[in-house]
C-alpha atoms as a PDB file:
ATOM      1  CA  UNK A   1     132.007  44.036 -23.018  1.00  0.00           C
ATOM      2  CA  UNK A   2     130.455  41.125 -24.025  1.00  0.00           C
ATOM      3  CA  UNK A   3     126.551  41.210 -24.567  1.00  0.00           C
ATOM      4  CA  UNK A   4     123.980  38.323 -23.105  1.00  0.00           C
ATOM      5  CA  UNK A   5     121.222  37.422 -25.000  1.00  0.00           C
ATOM      6  CA  UNK A   6     118.691  34.360 -24.051  1.00  0.00           C
ATOM      7  CA  UNK A   7     116.668  32.828 -27.369  1.00  0.00           C
ATOM      8  CA  UNK A   8     113.746  30.474 -26.338  1.00  0.00           C
ATOM      9  CA  UNK A   9     112.934  27.763 -28.676  1.00  0.00           C
ATOM     10  CA  UNK A  10     109.177  26.502 -28.162  1.00  0.00           C
ATOM     11  CA  UNK A  11     108.360  23.117 -29.427  1.00  0.00           C
ATOM     12  CA  UNK A  12     104.927  21.226 -29.264  1.00  0.00           C
ATOM     13  CA  UNK A  13     104.914  17.732 -29.672  1.00  0.00           C
ATOM     14  CA  UNK A  14     102.227  17.302 -32.583  1.00  0.00           C
ATOM     15  CA  UNK A  15     101.786  13.215 -32.579  1.00  0.00           C
ATOM     16  CA  UNK A  16      98.812  13.051 -30.350  1.00  0.00           C
ATOM     17  CA  UNK A  17      96.020  11.894 -33.213  1.00  0.00           C
ATOM     18  CA  UNK A  18      93.314  11.930 -30.475  1.00  0.00           C
ATOM     19  CA  UNK A  19      92.957  15.817 -30.021  1.00  0.00           C
ATOM     20  CA  UNK A  20      93.333  16.656 -34.169  1.00  0.00           C
ATOM     21  CA  UNK A  21      89.769  17.430 -34.406  1.00  0.00           C
ATOM     22  CA  UNK A  22      89.786  20.068 -31.518  1.00  0.00           C
ATOM     23  CA  UNK A  23      92.051  22.713 -33.509  1.00  0.00           C
ATOM     24  CA  UNK A  24      89.058  24.543 -35.130  1.00  0.00           C
ATOM     25  CA  UNK A  25      88.865  27.200 -32.914  1.00  0.00           C
ATOM     26  CA  UNK A  26      92.512  28.035 -33.851  1.00  0.00           C
ATOM     27  CA  UNK A  27      91.495  28.559 -37.675  1.00  0.00           C
ATOM     28  CA  UNK A  28      89.969  32.332 -36.615  1.00  0.00           C
ATOM     29  CA  UNK A  29      93.627  33.108 -36.102  1.00  0.00           C
ATOM     30  CA  UNK A  30      94.756  32.598 -39.577  1.00  0.00           C
ATOM     31  CA  UNK A  31      94.109  35.164 -42.688  1.00  0.00           C
ATOM     32  CA  UNK A  32      91.982  34.439 -45.719  1.00  0.00           C
ATOM     33  CA  UNK A  33      95.305  33.236 -47.446  1.00  0.00           C
ATOM     34  CA  UNK A  34      96.256  31.252 -44.710  1.00  0.00           C
ATOM     35  CA  UNK A  35      92.832  29.491 -44.409  1.00  0.00           C
ATOM     36  CA  UNK A  36      93.033  28.169 -48.342  1.00  0.00           C
ATOM     37  CA  UNK A  37      96.339  26.735 -47.467  1.00  0.00           C
ATOM     38  CA  UNK A  38      95.414  25.328 -44.510  1.00  0.00           C
ATOM     39  CA  UNK A  39      92.266  23.756 -46.183  1.00  0.00           C
ATOM     40  CA  UNK A  40      94.245  22.446 -49.576  1.00  0.00           C
ATOM     41  CA  UNK A  41      95.847  19.856 -46.958  1.00  0.00           C
ATOM     42  CA  UNK A  42      94.820  16.768 -47.539  1.00  0.00           C
ATOM     43  CA  UNK A  43      96.467  14.751 -45.144  1.00  0.00           C
ATOM     44  CA  UNK A  44      95.352  16.065 -41.824  1.00  0.00           C
ATOM     45  CA  UNK A  45      98.739  15.904 -39.672  1.00  0.00           C
ATOM     46  CA  UNK A  46      99.908  18.511 -42.083  1.00  0.00           C
ATOM     47  CA  UNK A  47      96.949  20.472 -41.554  1.00  0.00           C
ATOM     48  CA  UNK A  48      97.770  20.693 -37.946  1.00  0.00           C
ATOM     49  CA  UNK A  49     101.341  21.292 -38.509  1.00  0.00           C
ATOM     50  CA  UNK A  50     100.656  24.518 -40.790  1.00  0.00           C
ATOM     51  CA  UNK A  51      97.759  25.558 -38.006  1.00  0.00           C
ATOM     52  CA  UNK A  52      99.908  25.212 -34.952  1.00  0.00           C
ATOM     53  CA  UNK A  53     103.130  26.752 -36.813  1.00  0.00           C
ATOM     54  CA  UNK A  54     100.934  29.720 -37.393  1.00  0.00           C
ATOM     55  CA  UNK A  55      99.523  30.223 -34.313  1.00  0.00           C
ATOM     56  CA  UNK A  56     102.230  29.589 -32.454  1.00  0.00           C
ATOM     57  CA  UNK A  57     104.240  32.264 -34.088  1.00  0.00           C
ATOM     58  CA  UNK A  58     101.328  34.893 -33.990  1.00  0.00           C
ATOM     59  CA  UNK A  59     100.487  34.237 -30.464  1.00  0.00           C
ATOM     60  CA  UNK A  60     104.292  35.115 -29.420  1.00  0.00           C
ATOM     61  CA  UNK A  61     104.892  37.925 -31.741  1.00  0.00           C
ATOM     62  CA  UNK A  62     101.338  39.468 -30.648  1.00  0.00           C
ATOM     63  CA  UNK A  63     102.371  39.312 -27.389  1.00  0.00           C
ATOM     64  CA  UNK A  64     106.144  40.612 -28.246  1.00  0.00           C
ATOM     65  CA  UNK A  65     104.567  43.756 -30.422  1.00  0.00           C
ATOM     66  CA  UNK A  66     101.478  43.686 -27.555  1.00  0.00           C
ATOM     67  CA  UNK A  67      98.972  43.326 -30.821  1.00  0.00           C
ATOM     68  CA  UNK A  68      96.129  40.646 -31.386  1.00  0.00           C
ATOM     69  CA  UNK A  69      97.503  37.850 -32.948  1.00  0.00           C
ATOM     70  CA  UNK A  70      95.033  37.705 -35.602  1.00  0.00           C
ATOM     71  CA  UNK A  71      95.956  40.537 -36.676  1.00  0.00           C
ATOM     72  CA  UNK A  72      99.697  39.443 -37.695  1.00  0.00           C
ATOM     73  CA  UNK A  73     100.256  39.230 -41.373  1.00  0.00           C
ATOM     74  CA  UNK A  74     103.324  37.254 -42.982  1.00  0.00           C
ATOM     75  CA  UNK A  75     104.751  38.158 -46.156  1.00  0.00           C
ATOM     76  CA  UNK A  76     106.909  35.839 -48.307  1.00  0.00           C
ATOM     77  CA  UNK A  77     110.202  36.163 -49.619  1.00  0.00           C
ATOM     78  CA  UNK A  78     111.210  34.922 -53.141  1.00  0.00           C
ATOM     79  CA  UNK A  79     112.491  32.174 -51.843  1.00  0.00           C
ATOM     80  CA  UNK A  80     109.433  31.302 -49.562  1.00  0.00           C
ATOM     81  CA  UNK A  81     110.877  32.433 -45.958  1.00  0.00           C
ATOM     82  CA  UNK A  82     108.180  34.347 -43.835  1.00  0.00           C
ATOM     83  CA  UNK A  83     108.615  37.991 -42.678  1.00  0.00           C
ATOM     84  CA  UNK A  84     106.774  40.503 -41.125  1.00  0.00           C
ATOM     85  CA  UNK A  85     106.157  43.751 -42.808  1.00  0.00           C
ATOM     86  CA  UNK A  86     108.668  46.641 -41.323  1.00  0.00           C
ATOM     87  CA  UNK A  87     105.559  49.141 -40.304  1.00  0.00           C
ATOM     88  CA  UNK A  88     104.896  46.614 -37.559  1.00  0.00           C
ATOM     89  CA  UNK A  89     108.058  47.484 -35.626  1.00  0.00           C
ATOM     90  CA  UNK A  90     108.108  49.984 -33.077  1.00  0.00           C
ATOM     91  CA  UNK A  91     111.697  49.244 -32.427  1.00  0.00           C
ATOM     92  CA  UNK A  92     113.920  46.620 -33.936  1.00  0.00           C
ATOM     93  CA  UNK A  93     112.550  43.994 -36.213  1.00  0.00           C
ATOM     94  CA  UNK A  94     111.544  40.404 -35.085  1.00  0.00           C
ATOM     95  CA  UNK A  95     113.245  37.727 -36.885  1.00  0.00           C
ATOM     96  CA  UNK A  96     111.810  34.039 -36.429  1.00  0.00           C
ATOM     97  CA  UNK A  97     111.563  30.295 -38.067  1.00  0.00           C
ATOM     98  CA  UNK A  98     109.850  27.724 -37.618  1.00  0.00           C
ATOM     99  CA  UNK A  99     110.520  23.646 -38.515  1.00  0.00           C
ATOM    100  CA  UNK A 100     109.008  20.253 -37.841  1.00  0.00           C
ATOM    101  CA  UNK A 101     109.875  16.655 -38.405  1.00  0.00           C
ATOM    102  CA  UNK A 102     107.264  13.587 -37.618  1.00  0.00           C
ATOM    103  CA  UNK A 103     105.289  14.953 -34.565  1.00  0.00           C
ATOM    104  CA  UNK A 104     107.199  17.768 -33.222  1.00  0.00           C
ATOM    105  CA  UNK A 105     107.404  21.505 -34.322  1.00  0.00           C
ATOM    106  CA  UNK A 106     109.582  23.771 -33.221  1.00  0.00           C
ATOM    107  CA  UNK A 107     109.665  28.042 -33.204  1.00  0.00           C
ATOM    108  CA  UNK A 108     112.487  30.259 -32.523  1.00  0.00           C
ATOM    109  CA  UNK A 109     112.294  34.260 -32.393  1.00  0.00           C
ATOM    110  CA  UNK A 110     115.599  36.445 -32.293  1.00  0.00           C
ATOM    111  CA  UNK A 111     116.525  39.809 -32.862  1.00  0.00           C
ATOM    112  CA  UNK A 112     118.561  38.489 -35.861  1.00  0.00           C
ATOM    113  CA  UNK A 113     118.435  36.449 -38.765  1.00  0.00           C
ATOM    114  CA  UNK A 114     117.761  33.089 -37.393  1.00  0.00           C
ATOM    115  CA  UNK A 115     117.259  29.401 -38.927  1.00  0.00           C
ATOM    116  CA  UNK A 116     116.091  26.208 -37.381  1.00  0.00           C
ATOM    117  CA  UNK A 117     115.833  22.757 -38.085  1.00  0.00           C
ATOM    118  CA  UNK A 118     114.690  19.970 -36.490  1.00  0.00           C
ATOM    119  CA  UNK A 119     115.068  16.060 -37.508  1.00  0.00           C
ATOM    120  CA  UNK A 120     113.986  12.323 -36.116  1.00  0.00           C
ATOM    121  CA  UNK A 121     116.781  10.303 -36.178  1.00  0.00           C
ATOM    122  CA  UNK A 122     116.182   7.423 -38.376  1.00  0.00           C
ATOM    123  CA  UNK A 123     117.791   5.140 -40.697  1.00  0.00           C
ATOM    124  CA  UNK A 124     119.577   6.670 -43.549  1.00  0.00           C
ATOM    125  CA  UNK A 125     120.501   5.872 -46.896  1.00  0.00           C
ATOM    126  CA  UNK A 126     124.425   7.294 -46.551  1.00  0.00           C
ATOM    127  CA  UNK A 127     124.485   7.529 -50.343  1.00  0.00           C
ATOM    128  CA  UNK A 128     123.033  10.703 -50.136  1.00  0.00           C
ATOM    129  CA  UNK A 129     125.700  12.297 -48.422  1.00  0.00           C
ATOM    130  CA  UNK A 130     128.047  12.847 -51.637  1.00  0.00           C
ATOM    131  CA  UNK A 131     124.977  14.998 -53.015  1.00  0.00           C
ATOM    132  CA  UNK A 132     124.590  17.548 -50.010  1.00  0.00           C
ATOM    133  CA  UNK A 133     127.957  17.007 -47.641  1.00  0.00           C
ATOM    134  CA  UNK A 134     131.493  18.332 -48.216  1.00  0.00           C
ATOM    135  CA  UNK A 135     134.117  15.426 -47.653  1.00  0.00           C
ATOM    136  CA  UNK A 136     134.996  16.639 -44.240  1.00  0.00           C
ATOM    137  CA  UNK A 137     131.462  16.489 -43.137  1.00  0.00           C
ATOM    138  CA  UNK A 138     131.191  12.558 -44.699  1.00  0.00           C
ATOM    139  CA  UNK A 139     134.313  11.619 -42.939  1.00  0.00           C
ATOM    140  CA  UNK A 140     132.784  13.177 -39.980  1.00  0.00           C
ATOM    141  CA  UNK A 141     129.922  10.720 -40.377  1.00  0.00           C
ATOM    142  CA  UNK A 142     131.563   7.724 -41.240  1.00  0.00           C
ATOM    143  CA  UNK A 143     134.481   8.070 -38.501  1.00  0.00           C
ATOM    144  CA  UNK A 144     131.403   6.773 -35.977  1.00  0.00           C
ATOM    145  CA  UNK A 145     131.910   3.380 -34.569  1.00  0.00           C
ATOM    146  CA  UNK A 146     128.201   2.358 -34.330  1.00  0.00           C
ATOM    147  CA  UNK A 147     125.368   2.694 -36.831  1.00  0.00           C
ATOM    148  CA  UNK A 148     123.033   5.101 -34.502  1.00  0.00           C
ATOM    149  CA  UNK A 149     125.829   7.091 -33.921  1.00  0.00           C
ATOM    150  CA  UNK A 150     126.497   7.298 -38.029  1.00  0.00           C
ATOM    151  CA  UNK A 151     122.851   8.456 -38.254  1.00  0.00           C
ATOM    152  CA  UNK A 152     122.957  10.680 -35.485  1.00  0.00           C
ATOM    153  CA  UNK A 153     125.694  12.768 -36.631  1.00  0.00           C
ATOM    154  CA  UNK A 154     124.479  12.507 -40.045  1.00  0.00           C
ATOM    155  CA  UNK A 155     121.322  14.533 -38.733  1.00  0.00           C
ATOM    156  CA  UNK A 156     123.802  16.938 -36.555  1.00  0.00           C
ATOM    157  CA  UNK A 157     125.633  17.715 -40.019  1.00  0.00           C
ATOM    158  CA  UNK A 158     122.018  17.928 -42.142  1.00  0.00           C
ATOM    159  CA  UNK A 159     120.153  19.988 -39.261  1.00  0.00           C
ATOM    160  CA  UNK A 160     123.113  22.468 -39.217  1.00  0.00           C
ATOM    161  CA  UNK A 161     123.437  22.912 -42.918  1.00  0.00           C
ATOM    162  CA  UNK A 162     119.601  23.410 -43.258  1.00  0.00           C
ATOM    163  CA  UNK A 163     119.128  25.782 -40.498  1.00  0.00           C
ATOM    164  CA  UNK A 164     121.880  27.892 -42.423  1.00  0.00           C
ATOM    165  CA  UNK A 165     120.170  27.865 -45.332  1.00  0.00           C
ATOM    166  CA  UNK A 166     117.178  29.029 -43.497  1.00  0.00           C
ATOM    167  CA  UNK A 167     118.682  31.742 -41.651  1.00  0.00           C
ATOM    168  CA  UNK A 168     120.130  33.373 -44.617  1.00  0.00           C
ATOM    169  CA  UNK A 169     116.390  33.014 -45.955  1.00  0.00           C
ATOM    170  CA  UNK A 170     117.486  30.998 -49.825  1.00  0.00           C
ATOM    171  CA  UNK A 171     116.615  27.292 -48.437  1.00  0.00           C
ATOM    172  CA  UNK A 172     117.875  24.763 -50.631  1.00  0.00           C
ATOM    173  CA  UNK A 173     118.202  27.410 -53.526  1.00  0.00           C
ATOM    174  CA  UNK A 174     121.489  27.187 -52.461  1.00  0.00           C
ATOM    175  CA  UNK A 175     123.607  24.526 -53.023  1.00  0.00           C
ATOM    176  CA  UNK A 176     124.343  22.693 -49.691  1.00  0.00           C
ATOM    177  CA  UNK A 177     127.692  21.295 -51.256  1.00  0.00           C
ATOM    178  CA  UNK A 178     128.759  25.275 -51.946  1.00  0.00           C
ATOM    179  CA  UNK A 179     129.645  25.668 -47.787  1.00  0.00           C
ATOM    180  CA  UNK A 180     130.743  23.369 -45.108  1.00  0.00           C
ATOM    181  CA  UNK A 181     129.222  23.829 -41.467  1.00  0.00           C
ATOM    182  CA  UNK A 182     131.477  23.865 -38.302  1.00  0.00           C
ATOM    183  CA  UNK A 183     131.627  19.843 -37.111  1.00  0.00           C
ATOM    184  CA  UNK A 184     133.272  19.932 -33.470  1.00  0.00           C
ATOM    185  CA  UNK A 185     132.649  23.628 -32.513  1.00  0.00           C
ATOM    186  CA  UNK A 186     129.678  25.758 -32.021  1.00  0.00           C
ATOM    187  CA  UNK A 187     131.209  28.895 -33.642  1.00  0.00           C
ATOM    188  CA  UNK A 188     132.013  28.985 -37.367  1.00  0.00           C
ATOM    189  CA  UNK A 189     134.475  31.750 -38.878  1.00  0.00           C
ATOM    190  CA  UNK A 190     131.646  33.903 -40.218  1.00  0.00           C
ATOM    191  CA  UNK A 191     129.457  36.021 -38.673  1.00  0.00           C
ATOM    192  CA  UNK A 192     126.890  32.962 -37.911  1.00  0.00           C
ATOM    193  CA  UNK A 193     126.616  30.471 -34.660  1.00  0.00           C
ATOM    194  CA  UNK A 194     125.972  27.144 -35.020  1.00  0.00           C
ATOM    195  CA  UNK A 195     124.209  25.586 -31.896  1.00  0.00           C
ATOM    196  CA  UNK A 196     122.872  21.883 -31.783  1.00  0.00           C
ATOM    197  CA  UNK A 197     120.858  20.187 -29.201  1.00  0.00           C
ATOM    198  CA  UNK A 198     119.293  16.757 -28.677  1.00  0.00           C
ATOM    199  CA  UNK A 199     115.189  16.751 -28.020  1.00  0.00           C
ATOM    200  CA  UNK A 200     113.443  13.808 -26.167  1.00  0.00           C
ATOM    201  CA  UNK A 201     116.819  11.596 -27.334  1.00  0.00           C
ATOM    202  CA  UNK A 202     115.389  10.966 -30.795  1.00  0.00           C
ATOM    203  CA  UNK A 203     115.214  14.500 -32.075  1.00  0.00           C
ATOM    204  CA  UNK A 204     118.546  16.554 -33.368  1.00  0.00           C
ATOM    205  CA  UNK A 205     118.000  20.556 -33.408  1.00  0.00           C
ATOM    206  CA  UNK A 206     120.101  23.044 -34.738  1.00  0.00           C
ATOM    207  CA  UNK A 207     119.975  26.636 -35.030  1.00  0.00           C
ATOM    208  CA  UNK A 208     121.744  29.045 -36.675  1.00  0.00           C
ATOM    209  CA  UNK A 209     121.863  33.082 -35.644  1.00  0.00           C
ATOM    210  CA  UNK A 210     123.761  35.613 -37.597  1.00  0.00           C
ATOM    211  CA  UNK A 211     125.774  37.216 -34.520  1.00  0.00           C
ATOM    212  CA  UNK A 212     128.177  40.307 -35.466  1.00  0.00           C
ATOM    213  CA  UNK A 213     128.717  41.209 -31.982  1.00  0.00           C
ATOM    214  CA  UNK A 214     129.871  38.280 -30.912  1.00  0.00           C
ATOM    215  CA  UNK A 215     126.745  38.239 -28.370  1.00  0.00           C
ATOM    216  CA  UNK A 216     126.822  35.430 -25.679  1.00  0.00           C
ATOM    217  CA  UNK A 217     123.714  33.388 -26.267  1.00  0.00           C
ATOM    218  CA  UNK A 218     121.547  31.100 -23.502  1.00  0.00           C
ATOM    219  CA  UNK A 219     118.929  29.092 -25.202  1.00  0.00           C
ATOM    220  CA  UNK A 220     115.942  28.195 -23.221  1.00  0.00           C
ATOM    221  CA  UNK A 221     113.509  24.981 -24.649  1.00  0.00           C
ATOM    222  CA  UNK A 222     110.235  25.862 -23.574  1.00  0.00           C
ATOM    223  CA  UNK A 223     107.290  23.031 -24.431  1.00  0.00           C
ATOM    224  CA  UNK A 224     103.998  24.403 -25.114  1.00  0.00           C
ATOM    225  CA  UNK A 225     101.104  22.247 -23.857  1.00  0.00           C
ATOM    226  CA  UNK A 226      98.083  21.677 -26.089  1.00  0.00           C
ATOM    227  CA  UNK A 227      94.860  22.027 -23.979  1.00  0.00           C
ATOM    228  CA  UNK A 228      91.813  20.075 -24.317  1.00  0.00           C
ATOM    229  CA  UNK A 229      89.796  22.941 -26.167  1.00  0.00           C
ATOM    230  CA  UNK A 230      92.785  23.147 -28.594  1.00  0.00           C
ATOM    231  CA  UNK A 231      94.450  26.517 -27.174  1.00  0.00           C
ATOM    232  CA  UNK A 232      97.842  26.626 -26.200  1.00  0.00           C
ATOM    233  CA  UNK A 233      99.341  26.960 -22.735  1.00  0.00           C
ATOM    234  CA  UNK A 234     102.269  28.751 -22.485  1.00  0.00           C
ATOM    235  CA  UNK A 235     102.941  28.019 -18.710  1.00  0.00           C
ATOM    236  CA  UNK A 236     105.271  25.141 -19.151  1.00  0.00           C
ATOM    237  CA  UNK A 237     108.269  25.581 -17.125  1.00  0.00           C
ATOM    238  CA  UNK A 238     111.234  26.788 -19.106  1.00  0.00           C
ATOM    239  CA  UNK A 239     114.578  24.774 -18.948  1.00  0.00           C
ATOM    240  CA  UNK A 240     118.158  25.002 -20.096  1.00  0.00           C
ATOM    241  CA  UNK A 241     119.584  22.861 -22.837  1.00  0.00           C
ATOM    242  CA  UNK A 242     123.491  22.838 -23.424  1.00  0.00           C
ATOM    243  CA  UNK A 243     124.510  22.689 -26.918  1.00  0.00           C
ATOM    244  CA  UNK A 244     126.258  19.484 -28.034  1.00  0.00           C
ATOM    245  CA  UNK A 245     129.377  18.674 -30.333  1.00  0.00           C
END
């Protein structure tokens, strides 16, 4: 029997510069090492992206594990992917991934390996495709009839590639030319499923999930509100999104 599961994609709009100075009370959730990283950023919006990303992960995972968010300590693989020590799990491990792009931060939590990438659709130098896209992927982009559609298709492929590289935990240590992503379907032939969504009409979001059991996945997008005191409000109404081709 086919199993159905829901995956929530949490996202925060981070481009409201008027509230950046109100996040100091969130630093308490960071470890000493994370505070050093946070303070090392010279550009303010980079500091905010790092801080909100870590706090968002810790609050969500803390709620799942029923522990204080500040007690959660992340480790990094040799390729730089964050993970939790197995000692924190009572049952199954928790998988998660973060992505941010030009004012939007996205976080995904899953029950198996998962990767997410978000990109804002913007002008592209299409010459770069020969270095990162396979020929069929390039053809798919160039077949578009308008410039905007070409840009949209470019980020459709780009986000799927990067989400897969993040799901397998290697990032761009693996050559993006060494594999091809499914173009006109959600599910590929291997054990990974690909899903792509539009957010705010200007962002492309792709999620790649390892799915050995042919589980039917329903995605729920939940916007996280940033309160005036800098805290995160998880009470925003959830809404379902259908993946696009």
